[in-house]
N, C-alpha and C. Protein backbone atom coordinates (compact mmCIF):
# COMPACT_ATOMS: atom_id res chain seq x y z
N UNK A 1 -55.02 45.04 146.54
CA UNK A 1 -54.66 44.39 147.97
C UNK A 1 -55.16 42.94 148.40
N UNK A 2 -54.27 41.98 148.17
CA UNK A 2 -55.05 40.87 149.06
C UNK A 2 -55.29 40.73 150.51
N UNK A 3 -56.18 40.23 150.63
CA UNK A 3 -57.06 40.19 151.85
C UNK A 3 -56.87 38.87 152.56
N UNK A 4 -56.52 38.78 153.62
CA UNK A 4 -56.48 37.38 154.23
C UNK A 4 -57.75 37.06 155.25
N UNK A 5 -58.13 35.89 155.56
CA UNK A 5 -58.93 35.34 156.37
C UNK A 5 -59.23 36.29 157.62
N UNK A 6 -58.09 36.35 158.11
CA UNK A 6 -57.94 36.81 159.54
C UNK A 6 -58.58 38.56 159.45
N UNK A 7 -57.84 39.18 158.37
CA UNK A 7 -57.82 40.51 157.90
C UNK A 7 -59.63 40.50 157.53
N UNK A 8 -60.19 39.96 157.11
CA UNK A 8 -61.45 39.68 156.86
C UNK A 8 -62.35 39.93 157.78
N UNK A 9 -62.03 38.74 158.59
CA UNK A 9 -63.09 39.09 160.05
C UNK A 9 -62.67 40.26 161.19
N UNK A 10 -61.45 40.26 160.64
CA UNK A 10 -60.95 41.50 161.55
C UNK A 10 -62.13 43.04 160.76
N UNK A 11 -62.16 43.06 159.67
CA UNK A 11 -63.10 44.36 158.93
C UNK A 11 -64.33 44.01 159.88
N UNK A 12 -64.98 42.36 159.79
CA UNK A 12 -66.16 42.21 160.43
C UNK A 12 -66.38 42.62 162.06
N UNK A 13 -65.42 42.50 162.57
CA UNK A 13 -64.80 42.70 163.89
C UNK A 13 -65.19 44.42 164.06
N UNK A 14 -64.76 44.71 163.22
CA UNK A 14 -64.30 46.35 163.29
C UNK A 14 -65.96 46.96 163.35
N UNK A 15 -66.22 46.49 162.05
CA UNK A 15 -68.06 47.24 161.93
C UNK A 15 -68.64 46.88 163.27
N UNK A 16 -68.29 45.89 164.17
CA UNK A 16 -69.05 45.85 165.13
C UNK A 16 -68.57 46.68 166.46
N UNK A 17 -67.33 47.52 166.13
CA UNK A 17 -66.52 47.96 167.34
C UNK A 17 -66.11 46.84 168.31
N UNK A 18 -65.42 45.84 167.58
CA UNK A 18 -65.16 45.13 168.71
C UNK A 18 -63.66 44.64 168.61
N UNK A 19 -62.87 44.07 169.65
CA UNK A 19 -61.64 44.18 169.62
C UNK A 19 -61.29 43.01 168.31
N UNK A 20 -59.92 43.31 167.78
CA UNK A 20 -59.83 42.61 166.47
C UNK A 20 -58.73 41.09 167.17
N UNK A 21 -58.72 40.23 166.09
CA UNK A 21 -57.92 38.95 166.29
C UNK A 21 -57.02 38.87 165.95
N UNK A 22 -55.68 37.87 165.92
CA UNK A 22 -54.44 37.57 165.48
C UNK A 22 -54.74 36.68 164.70
N UNK A 23 -55.41 35.51 164.99
CA UNK A 23 -55.54 34.36 164.19
C UNK A 23 -57.10 33.84 164.28
N UNK A 24 -57.79 32.92 163.60
CA UNK A 24 -59.13 32.77 163.45
C UNK A 24 -58.81 31.18 164.99
N UNK A 25 -57.90 30.95 165.37
CA UNK A 25 -57.70 29.53 165.95
C UNK A 25 -57.48 30.10 167.58
N UNK A 26 -57.60 31.55 167.79
CA UNK A 26 -57.07 31.71 168.92
C UNK A 26 -58.15 31.67 170.04
N UNK A 27 -57.67 31.54 171.46
CA UNK A 27 -58.69 31.24 172.55
C UNK A 27 -59.32 32.48 172.70
N UNK A 28 -60.54 33.29 172.06
CA UNK A 28 -60.93 34.88 172.63
C UNK A 28 -62.55 34.06 171.99
N UNK A 29 -63.06 34.93 172.54
CA UNK A 29 -64.63 34.90 172.41
C UNK A 29 -65.06 35.33 171.06
N UNK A 30 -64.27 36.57 170.65
CA UNK A 30 -64.52 37.23 168.89
C UNK A 30 -63.99 36.08 168.28
N UNK A 31 -62.85 35.40 168.26
CA UNK A 31 -62.22 34.54 166.98
C UNK A 31 -63.20 33.48 167.32
N UNK A 32 -63.38 32.84 168.32
CA UNK A 32 -64.88 31.49 168.30
C UNK A 32 -65.98 32.07 167.81
N UNK A 33 -65.89 33.32 167.55
CA UNK A 33 -67.77 33.59 167.53
C UNK A 33 -67.60 33.75 165.67
N UNK A 34 -66.45 34.37 165.53
CA UNK A 34 -66.57 34.73 163.84
C UNK A 34 -65.80 33.06 163.39
N UNK A 35 -65.00 32.45 163.68
CA UNK A 35 -64.27 30.84 163.57
C UNK A 35 -65.87 29.97 163.26
N UNK A 36 -66.63 30.03 164.10
CA UNK A 36 -67.57 29.09 163.74
C UNK A 36 -68.54 29.86 162.59
N UNK A 37 -68.53 30.75 162.13
CA UNK A 37 -69.62 30.89 160.83
C UNK A 37 -69.07 31.39 159.84
N UNK A 38 -67.55 31.80 159.65
CA UNK A 38 -66.85 31.86 158.77
C UNK A 38 -67.12 31.58 157.26
N UNK A 39 -66.79 30.07 157.63
CA UNK A 39 -66.90 29.44 156.21
C UNK A 39 -67.88 28.95 155.56
N UNK A 40 -69.31 29.11 156.81
CA UNK A 40 -70.70 28.95 156.30
C UNK A 40 -71.16 30.06 155.45
N UNK A 41 -70.81 31.37 156.32
CA UNK A 41 -71.00 32.63 155.22
C UNK A 41 -70.36 32.65 154.08
N UNK A 42 -69.02 32.30 153.92
CA UNK A 42 -68.50 32.75 152.84
C UNK A 42 -69.20 31.84 152.10
N UNK A 43 -69.32 30.56 152.25
CA UNK A 43 -70.18 29.68 150.90
C UNK A 43 -71.26 30.25 150.51
N UNK A 44 -71.84 30.86 151.58
CA UNK A 44 -73.37 30.98 151.48
C UNK A 44 -73.39 32.31 150.23
N UNK A 45 -72.47 33.50 150.66
CA UNK A 45 -72.65 34.58 149.78
C UNK A 45 -71.59 34.20 148.59
N UNK A 46 -70.93 33.21 148.26
CA UNK A 46 -70.31 32.86 147.07
C UNK A 46 -71.25 32.08 146.29
N UNK A 47 -72.52 31.32 146.97
CA UNK A 47 -73.32 30.81 146.48
C UNK A 47 -74.45 31.64 145.78
N UNK A 48 -74.64 32.59 146.64
CA UNK A 48 -75.58 33.84 146.25
C UNK A 48 -76.22 34.65 145.00
N UNK A 49 -74.96 34.64 144.14
CA UNK A 49 -74.86 35.09 143.33
C UNK A 49 -73.71 34.94 142.20
N UNK A 50 -74.06 34.87 140.91
CA UNK A 50 -72.87 34.58 139.88
C UNK A 50 -71.63 35.55 139.51
N UNK A 51 -70.79 34.93 140.93
CA UNK A 51 -69.43 36.07 140.96
C UNK A 51 -68.33 35.64 140.26
N UNK A 52 -68.01 36.41 139.15
CA UNK A 52 -67.05 36.04 138.60
C UNK A 52 -65.81 35.10 138.49
N UNK A 53 -65.12 35.82 140.04
CA UNK A 53 -64.17 35.22 140.30
C UNK A 53 -64.19 33.60 140.96
N UNK A 54 -65.52 33.55 140.99
CA UNK A 54 -65.90 32.01 141.84
C UNK A 54 -66.44 30.86 140.23
N UNK A 55 -66.51 31.86 139.43
CA UNK A 55 -66.59 30.98 138.09
C UNK A 55 -65.86 30.04 137.57
N UNK A 56 -65.93 28.53 137.28
CA UNK A 56 -65.50 27.73 137.02
C UNK A 56 -65.99 26.91 135.63
N UNK A 57 -65.28 25.98 134.96
CA UNK A 57 -65.78 25.30 133.86
C UNK A 57 -65.17 23.85 134.39
N UNK A 58 -65.90 22.81 133.95
CA UNK A 58 -65.84 21.28 133.94
C UNK A 58 -66.29 20.74 133.18
N UNK A 59 -65.55 19.63 132.52
CA UNK A 59 -66.41 18.87 131.67
C UNK A 59 -66.39 17.61 132.54
N UNK A 60 -67.84 17.08 132.34
CA UNK A 60 -68.24 15.69 133.38
C UNK A 60 -68.23 14.47 132.28
N UNK A 61 -68.47 13.79 133.04
CA UNK A 61 -68.48 12.19 132.48
C UNK A 61 -69.75 11.87 133.05
N UNK A 62 -70.38 10.83 132.33
CA UNK A 62 -71.53 10.23 133.21
C UNK A 62 -71.18 9.37 134.34
N UNK A 63 -72.12 9.16 134.97
CA UNK A 63 -71.90 8.20 136.42
C UNK A 63 -72.25 6.71 135.74
N UNK A 64 -71.69 5.70 136.16
CA UNK A 64 -72.09 4.44 135.56
C UNK A 64 -73.45 4.33 136.34
N UNK A 65 -74.18 4.33 137.30
CA UNK A 65 -75.14 4.20 137.93
C UNK A 65 -75.85 5.27 137.13
N UNK A 66 -77.19 4.77 136.85
CA UNK A 66 -78.42 5.63 136.06
C UNK A 66 -79.48 5.71 137.28
N UNK A 67 -80.09 7.02 136.89
CA UNK A 67 -81.11 7.30 137.91
C UNK A 67 -82.22 6.43 137.63
N UNK A 68 -83.20 6.46 138.71
CA UNK A 68 -84.11 5.54 138.70
C UNK A 68 -85.27 5.61 137.51
N UNK A 69 -85.48 6.84 137.31
CA UNK A 69 -86.66 7.05 136.42
C UNK A 69 -86.34 8.47 135.55
N UNK A 70 -87.22 8.51 134.68
CA UNK A 70 -87.46 9.89 133.72
C UNK A 70 -86.08 10.55 133.10
N UNK A 71 -84.80 9.99 133.42
CA UNK A 71 -83.54 10.26 132.97
C UNK A 71 -82.62 8.83 132.61
N UNK A 72 -82.19 9.05 131.83
CA UNK A 72 -80.92 7.84 131.51
C UNK A 72 -79.74 7.91 131.83
N UNK A 73 -79.17 9.55 132.27
CA UNK A 73 -78.14 9.67 132.61
C UNK A 73 -77.87 10.50 134.25
N UNK A 74 -76.60 10.41 134.47
CA UNK A 74 -76.57 11.32 135.44
C UNK A 74 -75.20 11.44 135.85
N UNK A 75 -75.11 12.80 136.57
CA UNK A 75 -73.30 13.61 136.36
C UNK A 75 -73.31 13.65 137.60
N UNK A 76 -72.19 13.51 138.40
CA UNK A 76 -71.75 14.35 139.77
C UNK A 76 -71.38 15.61 139.69
N UNK A 77 -71.79 16.38 140.52
CA UNK A 77 -71.13 17.60 140.54
C UNK A 77 -69.86 17.23 140.80
N UNK A 78 -68.50 18.72 140.74
CA UNK A 78 -67.54 18.79 140.96
C UNK A 78 -67.52 19.02 142.52
N UNK A 79 -66.37 18.33 142.85
CA UNK A 79 -66.49 18.17 144.78
C UNK A 79 -66.35 19.94 145.18
N UNK A 80 -65.62 20.78 144.54
CA UNK A 80 -65.88 22.33 144.74
C UNK A 80 -66.99 23.08 144.40
N UNK A 81 -68.35 22.47 143.89
CA UNK A 81 -69.45 22.72 142.94
C UNK A 81 -70.08 23.77 144.27
N UNK A 82 -70.41 24.63 144.27
CA UNK A 82 -71.41 25.29 145.31
C UNK A 82 -73.05 25.66 144.57
N UNK A 83 -72.68 25.96 143.17
CA UNK A 83 -74.06 26.12 142.39
C UNK A 83 -73.76 25.96 141.29
N UNK A 84 -74.74 25.01 140.60
CA UNK A 84 -74.61 24.58 139.03
C UNK A 84 -75.17 25.89 138.09
N UNK A 85 -74.59 26.50 137.06
CA UNK A 85 -75.00 27.26 136.35
C UNK A 85 -76.04 26.83 135.34
N UNK A 86 -75.24 26.19 134.73
CA UNK A 86 -75.93 25.47 133.57
C UNK A 86 -74.92 24.68 132.61
N UNK A 87 -75.48 23.75 132.17
CA UNK A 87 -74.81 23.00 130.87
C UNK A 87 -74.42 23.50 129.78
N UNK A 88 -73.46 23.49 129.11
CA UNK A 88 -73.04 24.23 127.79
C UNK A 88 -72.87 23.41 126.62
N UNK A 89 -73.52 22.51 126.70
CA UNK A 89 -73.84 21.86 125.18
C UNK A 89 -75.17 22.02 124.38
N UNK A 90 -75.64 23.30 124.15
CA UNK A 90 -76.53 23.63 123.82
C UNK A 90 -77.65 23.73 124.65
N UNK A 91 -78.88 23.35 123.83
CA UNK A 91 -80.32 22.72 124.51
C UNK A 91 -80.00 21.80 125.25
N UNK A 92 -80.31 21.60 126.59
CA UNK A 92 -80.17 20.04 127.47
C UNK A 92 -81.11 20.22 128.36
N UNK A 93 -82.06 19.02 128.31
CA UNK A 93 -83.19 18.90 129.35
C UNK A 93 -82.18 18.43 130.22
N UNK A 94 -82.14 19.12 131.45
CA UNK A 94 -81.83 18.64 132.76
C UNK A 94 -82.58 18.73 134.09
N UNK A 95 -82.22 18.33 135.39
CA UNK A 95 -82.64 18.57 136.23
C UNK A 95 -81.62 18.16 137.53
N UNK A 96 -81.76 19.12 138.75
CA UNK A 96 -80.52 18.68 139.72
C UNK A 96 -81.36 17.63 140.41
N UNK A 97 -80.70 16.76 141.56
CA UNK A 97 -81.16 16.00 141.78
C UNK A 97 -80.04 15.49 142.79
N UNK A 98 -80.00 16.36 144.28
CA UNK A 98 -78.84 16.24 145.10
C UNK A 98 -77.76 16.76 144.66
N UNK A 99 -76.79 16.04 144.72
CA UNK A 99 -75.42 16.52 144.09
C UNK A 99 -75.21 16.03 142.42
N UNK A 100 -76.11 15.65 141.89
CA UNK A 100 -76.21 15.13 140.68
C UNK A 100 -77.25 16.04 139.70
N UNK A 101 -76.65 15.73 138.48
CA UNK A 101 -77.21 16.70 137.35
C UNK A 101 -78.21 15.38 136.04
N UNK A 102 -79.23 15.24 136.22
CA UNK A 102 -79.86 14.27 135.34
C UNK A 102 -79.98 14.84 134.19
N UNK A 103 -80.25 14.04 133.48
CA UNK A 103 -80.55 14.00 132.09
C UNK A 103 -80.55 12.78 130.89
N UNK A 104 -80.88 13.14 129.82
CA UNK A 104 -80.81 12.19 128.42
C UNK A 104 -79.71 11.97 128.00
N UNK A 105 -78.54 13.03 128.25
CA UNK A 105 -77.34 13.09 127.28
C UNK A 105 -76.55 12.39 127.87
N UNK A 106 -76.22 11.02 126.92
CA UNK A 106 -75.17 10.46 127.08
C UNK A 106 -73.35 11.07 126.82
N UNK A 107 -73.37 12.02 126.39
CA UNK A 107 -72.13 12.51 126.30
C UNK A 107 -71.34 13.03 127.36
N UNK A 108 -70.58 13.33 127.43
CA UNK A 108 -69.93 14.59 128.36
C UNK A 108 -70.63 15.79 128.73
N UNK A 109 -70.63 16.19 129.42
CA UNK A 109 -71.49 17.42 129.89
C UNK A 109 -70.52 18.81 130.56
N UNK A 110 -70.43 19.68 129.72
CA UNK A 110 -69.80 20.78 129.57
C UNK A 110 -70.69 21.75 130.79
N UNK A 111 -69.88 22.38 131.90
CA UNK A 111 -70.49 22.52 132.87
C UNK A 111 -70.18 23.66 133.60
N UNK A 112 -70.64 24.82 133.63
CA UNK A 112 -70.15 26.11 134.02
C UNK A 112 -70.86 26.05 135.53
N UNK A 113 -70.22 26.35 136.62
CA UNK A 113 -70.54 26.38 138.25
C UNK A 113 -70.19 27.57 138.54
N UNK A 114 -70.47 27.67 140.24
CA UNK A 114 -69.81 28.42 141.02
C UNK A 114 -69.07 27.45 141.91
N UNK A 115 -67.59 28.00 141.74
CA UNK A 115 -66.67 27.31 143.07
C UNK A 115 -66.53 27.89 144.51
N UNK A 116 -66.27 26.84 145.08
CA UNK A 116 -65.71 27.03 146.51
C UNK A 116 -64.62 27.64 146.57
N UNK A 117 -64.44 28.93 146.81
CA UNK A 117 -63.02 29.50 146.85
C UNK A 117 -62.78 29.92 148.11
N UNK A 118 -61.48 29.09 148.41
CA UNK A 118 -61.22 29.29 149.88
C UNK A 118 -60.01 30.29 150.06
N UNK A 119 -59.23 30.74 148.90
CA UNK A 119 -58.06 31.69 148.71
C UNK A 119 -58.89 32.60 148.65
N UNK A 120 -58.46 33.43 149.85
CA UNK A 120 -59.07 35.11 150.11
C UNK A 120 -58.60 36.04 149.06
N UNK A 121 -57.55 35.68 148.39
CA UNK A 121 -56.68 36.60 147.37
C UNK A 121 -57.50 36.69 146.10
N UNK A 122 -58.25 35.82 145.74
CA UNK A 122 -59.08 35.47 144.95
C UNK A 122 -60.35 36.52 144.67
N UNK A 123 -60.84 36.65 146.17
CA UNK A 123 -61.94 37.47 145.93
C UNK A 123 -61.70 38.88 145.69
N UNK A 124 -62.97 39.40 144.80
CA UNK A 124 -62.77 41.00 144.62
C UNK A 124 -63.37 41.64 145.86
N UNK A 125 -62.78 42.93 145.95
CA UNK A 125 -62.62 43.55 147.13
C UNK A 125 -64.05 44.15 147.14
N UNK A 126 -64.78 44.30 146.53
CA UNK A 126 -65.96 44.64 146.61
C UNK A 126 -67.47 43.15 147.78
N UNK A 127 -66.73 42.43 147.21
CA UNK A 127 -67.44 41.08 147.86
C UNK A 127 -66.61 40.81 149.21
N UNK A 128 -65.43 41.21 149.41
CA UNK A 128 -64.65 41.15 150.92
C UNK A 128 -65.65 41.91 151.93
N UNK A 129 -65.98 43.06 151.38
CA UNK A 129 -67.05 44.05 152.26
C UNK A 129 -68.08 43.54 152.34
N UNK A 130 -68.82 42.86 151.51
CA UNK A 130 -70.05 42.50 151.76
C UNK A 130 -70.19 40.81 152.73
N UNK A 131 -69.00 40.44 152.57
CA UNK A 131 -68.71 39.07 153.54
C UNK A 131 -68.54 39.85 154.83
N UNK A 132 -67.53 40.80 154.80
CA UNK A 132 -67.63 41.26 156.37
C UNK A 132 -68.73 41.30 156.94
N UNK A 133 -69.37 42.09 156.24
CA UNK A 133 -70.59 42.76 156.66
C UNK A 133 -71.74 41.57 157.37
N UNK A 134 -71.37 40.28 156.24
CA UNK A 134 -72.99 39.23 156.52
C UNK A 134 -72.14 38.27 157.91
N UNK A 135 -71.03 38.32 157.72
CA UNK A 135 -70.02 37.46 158.98
C UNK A 135 -70.57 38.78 160.50
N UNK A 136 -70.07 40.10 160.37
CA UNK A 136 -70.52 41.06 161.28
C UNK A 136 -72.18 40.74 161.55
N UNK A 137 -72.93 40.53 160.75
CA UNK A 137 -74.42 40.62 160.98
C UNK A 137 -74.41 39.51 161.91
N UNK A 138 -74.14 38.42 161.31
CA UNK A 138 -74.23 36.87 162.22
C UNK A 138 -73.67 37.12 163.51
N UNK A 139 -72.84 37.60 163.78
CA UNK A 139 -71.89 37.44 165.19
C UNK A 139 -72.42 38.53 165.86
N UNK A 140 -73.13 39.43 165.39
CA UNK A 140 -73.89 40.58 166.28
C UNK A 140 -74.18 40.55 167.33
N UNK A 141 -75.13 40.01 167.43
CA UNK A 141 -75.87 39.51 168.86
C UNK A 141 -75.07 38.91 169.95
N UNK A 142 -74.26 37.99 169.79
CA UNK A 142 -73.39 37.36 170.83
C UNK A 142 -72.73 38.33 170.83
N UNK A 143 -71.79 39.08 170.07
CA UNK A 143 -70.60 40.15 170.38
C UNK A 143 -71.03 41.27 171.21
N UNK A 144 -71.91 42.19 170.71
CA UNK A 144 -72.72 43.41 171.16
C UNK A 144 -73.77 43.21 171.86
N UNK A 145 -74.93 42.29 171.75
CA UNK A 145 -76.05 41.97 172.37
C UNK A 145 -77.01 43.54 171.85
N UNK A 146 -76.70 43.70 170.58
CA UNK A 146 -77.54 44.91 170.43
C UNK A 146 -78.51 44.84 169.10
N UNK A 147 -79.62 44.96 169.15
CA UNK A 147 -80.78 44.74 168.11
C UNK A 147 -80.25 45.73 166.90
N UNK A 148 -79.73 47.04 167.45
CA UNK A 148 -80.19 47.95 166.37
C UNK A 148 -78.74 48.12 165.81
N UNK A 149 -77.64 47.80 166.46
CA UNK A 149 -76.37 47.52 165.72
C UNK A 149 -76.49 46.48 164.60
N UNK A 150 -77.31 45.29 164.76
CA UNK A 150 -77.44 44.11 163.78
C UNK A 150 -78.48 44.91 162.64
N UNK A 151 -79.20 45.62 162.81
CA UNK A 151 -80.04 46.50 162.02
C UNK A 151 -79.29 47.22 160.93
N UNK A 152 -78.12 47.97 161.77
CA UNK A 152 -77.44 48.78 160.95
C UNK A 152 -76.43 47.92 160.03
N UNK A 153 -76.07 47.14 160.45
CA UNK A 153 -74.93 46.20 159.69
C UNK A 153 -75.99 45.64 158.44
N UNK A 154 -76.72 45.16 158.72
CA UNK A 154 -77.96 44.32 157.79
C UNK A 154 -77.97 45.61 156.76
N UNK A 155 -78.16 46.65 156.91
CA UNK A 155 -78.44 47.90 155.83
C UNK A 155 -76.81 48.07 155.24
N UNK A 156 -75.89 48.17 156.03
CA UNK A 156 -74.68 48.11 155.24
C UNK A 156 -74.44 46.86 154.15
N UNK A 157 -74.68 45.66 154.63
CA UNK A 157 -74.71 44.51 153.75
C UNK A 157 -75.32 44.55 152.38
N UNK A 158 -76.58 45.10 152.62
CA UNK A 158 -77.46 45.38 151.75
C UNK A 158 -76.63 46.22 150.47
N UNK A 159 -76.15 47.30 151.15
CA UNK A 159 -75.59 48.17 150.16
C UNK A 159 -74.23 47.73 149.90
N UNK A 160 -73.23 46.93 150.61
CA UNK A 160 -72.44 46.53 149.96
C UNK A 160 -72.29 45.40 149.01
N UNK A 161 -73.64 44.62 149.34
CA UNK A 161 -73.66 43.08 148.18
C UNK A 161 -74.14 43.86 147.17
N UNK A 162 -75.12 44.77 146.81
CA UNK A 162 -75.47 45.86 145.80
C UNK A 162 -74.26 46.31 144.84
N UNK A 163 -73.49 47.16 145.52
CA UNK A 163 -72.19 47.36 144.63
C UNK A 163 -71.55 46.40 144.68
N UNK A 164 -71.40 45.40 145.11
CA UNK A 164 -70.37 44.28 144.58
C UNK A 164 -71.07 43.64 143.51
N UNK A 165 -72.38 43.08 143.24
CA UNK A 165 -72.88 42.84 142.26
C UNK A 165 -73.19 43.86 141.05
N UNK A 166 -73.33 45.08 141.17
CA UNK A 166 -73.25 46.01 140.07
C UNK A 166 -71.87 45.87 139.08
N UNK A 167 -70.65 46.10 140.29
CA UNK A 167 -69.29 45.95 139.58
C UNK A 167 -69.21 44.30 138.95
N UNK A 168 -69.32 43.51 139.39
CA UNK A 168 -69.47 42.26 138.96
C UNK A 168 -70.21 42.13 137.50
N UNK A 169 -71.57 42.84 137.75
CA UNK A 169 -72.11 42.34 136.44
C UNK A 169 -71.77 43.47 135.36
N UNK A 170 -70.97 44.58 135.80
CA UNK A 170 -69.92 45.66 134.36
C UNK A 170 -68.95 44.86 133.93
N UNK A 171 -68.38 44.00 134.74
CA UNK A 171 -67.39 43.09 134.12
C UNK A 171 -67.30 41.82 133.83
N UNK A 172 -68.30 41.36 133.44
CA UNK A 172 -68.61 40.15 132.67
C UNK A 172 -69.53 40.33 131.59
N UNK A 173 -69.15 39.95 129.93
CA UNK A 173 -70.01 39.71 129.11
C UNK A 173 -71.32 39.19 129.21
N UNK A 174 -72.45 39.92 128.52
CA UNK A 174 -73.55 39.72 128.54
C UNK A 174 -73.75 37.91 128.15
N UNK A 175 -74.56 37.08 129.10
CA UNK A 175 -74.68 35.50 128.65
C UNK A 175 -75.51 35.61 126.86
N UNK A 176 -74.88 34.47 126.48
CA UNK A 176 -75.76 34.47 125.17
C UNK A 176 -76.98 33.52 125.31
N UNK A 177 -78.29 34.03 125.05
CA UNK A 177 -79.53 33.21 125.25
C UNK A 177 -79.76 32.35 124.02
N UNK A 178 -79.75 31.16 124.75
CA UNK A 178 -79.94 29.73 124.00
C UNK A 178 -81.81 29.64 123.72
N UNK A 179 -81.77 29.55 122.29
CA UNK A 179 -83.27 29.80 121.75
C UNK A 179 -83.82 28.10 122.16
N UNK A 180 -84.80 28.42 122.62
CA UNK A 180 -85.64 26.77 122.59
C UNK A 180 -85.83 26.14 121.17
N UNK A 181 -85.34 25.23 121.07
CA UNK A 181 -85.76 24.28 119.72
C UNK A 181 -87.36 24.30 119.45
N UNK A 182 -88.30 24.43 120.37
CA UNK A 182 -89.44 24.43 119.85
C UNK A 182 -89.76 25.90 119.21
N UNK A 183 -89.22 26.75 119.69
CA UNK A 183 -89.49 27.84 118.98
C UNK A 183 -88.88 28.12 117.78
N UNK A 184 -87.50 27.69 117.62
CA UNK A 184 -86.73 27.52 116.42
C UNK A 184 -87.76 26.78 115.13
N UNK A 185 -88.28 25.68 115.69
CA UNK A 185 -88.87 24.86 114.88
C UNK A 185 -90.34 25.53 114.35
N UNK A 186 -90.80 26.19 114.80
CA UNK A 186 -92.22 27.27 114.61
C UNK A 186 -92.09 28.16 113.91
N UNK A 187 -90.61 29.08 113.31
CA UNK A 187 -90.38 29.91 112.61
C UNK A 187 -90.34 29.65 111.34
C-alpha cells in the first residue's frame, strides 16, 4: 500500500501518542514539528544504507575544469545524489571532494548512487516504519517532553531499521568483488 508524506508523519505522531495532522503545512504544533525535520530525516535515512529502491545509475561526463592537483579530471554528482556508491568502469582510482568525483580517467564515468527519493510511494514499507521512528525520535522532546519515550522510540527505531536492512539485503543480488589489478599481476 502506498504511503503519503502525511501518513508517514502521522505514523510518527502515533508512536508518540500525539494528535495526527491533515497536512504538513497546517498551523498546528505537531505539523510544524514534523515538517521542520521531515526532509532532513528522510534524506539522512536514505543516505545511511544502500536501499535498493533508492539506487540509481547515471553516466557522467568530465567537467570542463580540472582539479587543482593529484587528479586530472573531475565529475559533478547528479543533482539528486545523496551518496556515491562507486564508479562502474572497472578498477578506477577515485576520490570524493565536495560534490565532485576526482579521477585520472578522462572517459565517461558510470556511476551507481543513492538518490533523493521524494515520492513516498517508492519507499519500501519497512523503510517507512524506520523513517517514522526516526521522525518520532527527533520530535519527541518537543512534543512529549519525555526522555523515557525518546529512549523507547530509539529502541523501536533500531529494530525497525535492522528489519528494513535485512529485507533490503535479501532482495538484492550480491555485489561482484572487483579484484585489485596489483593482486592480479602478482598471480
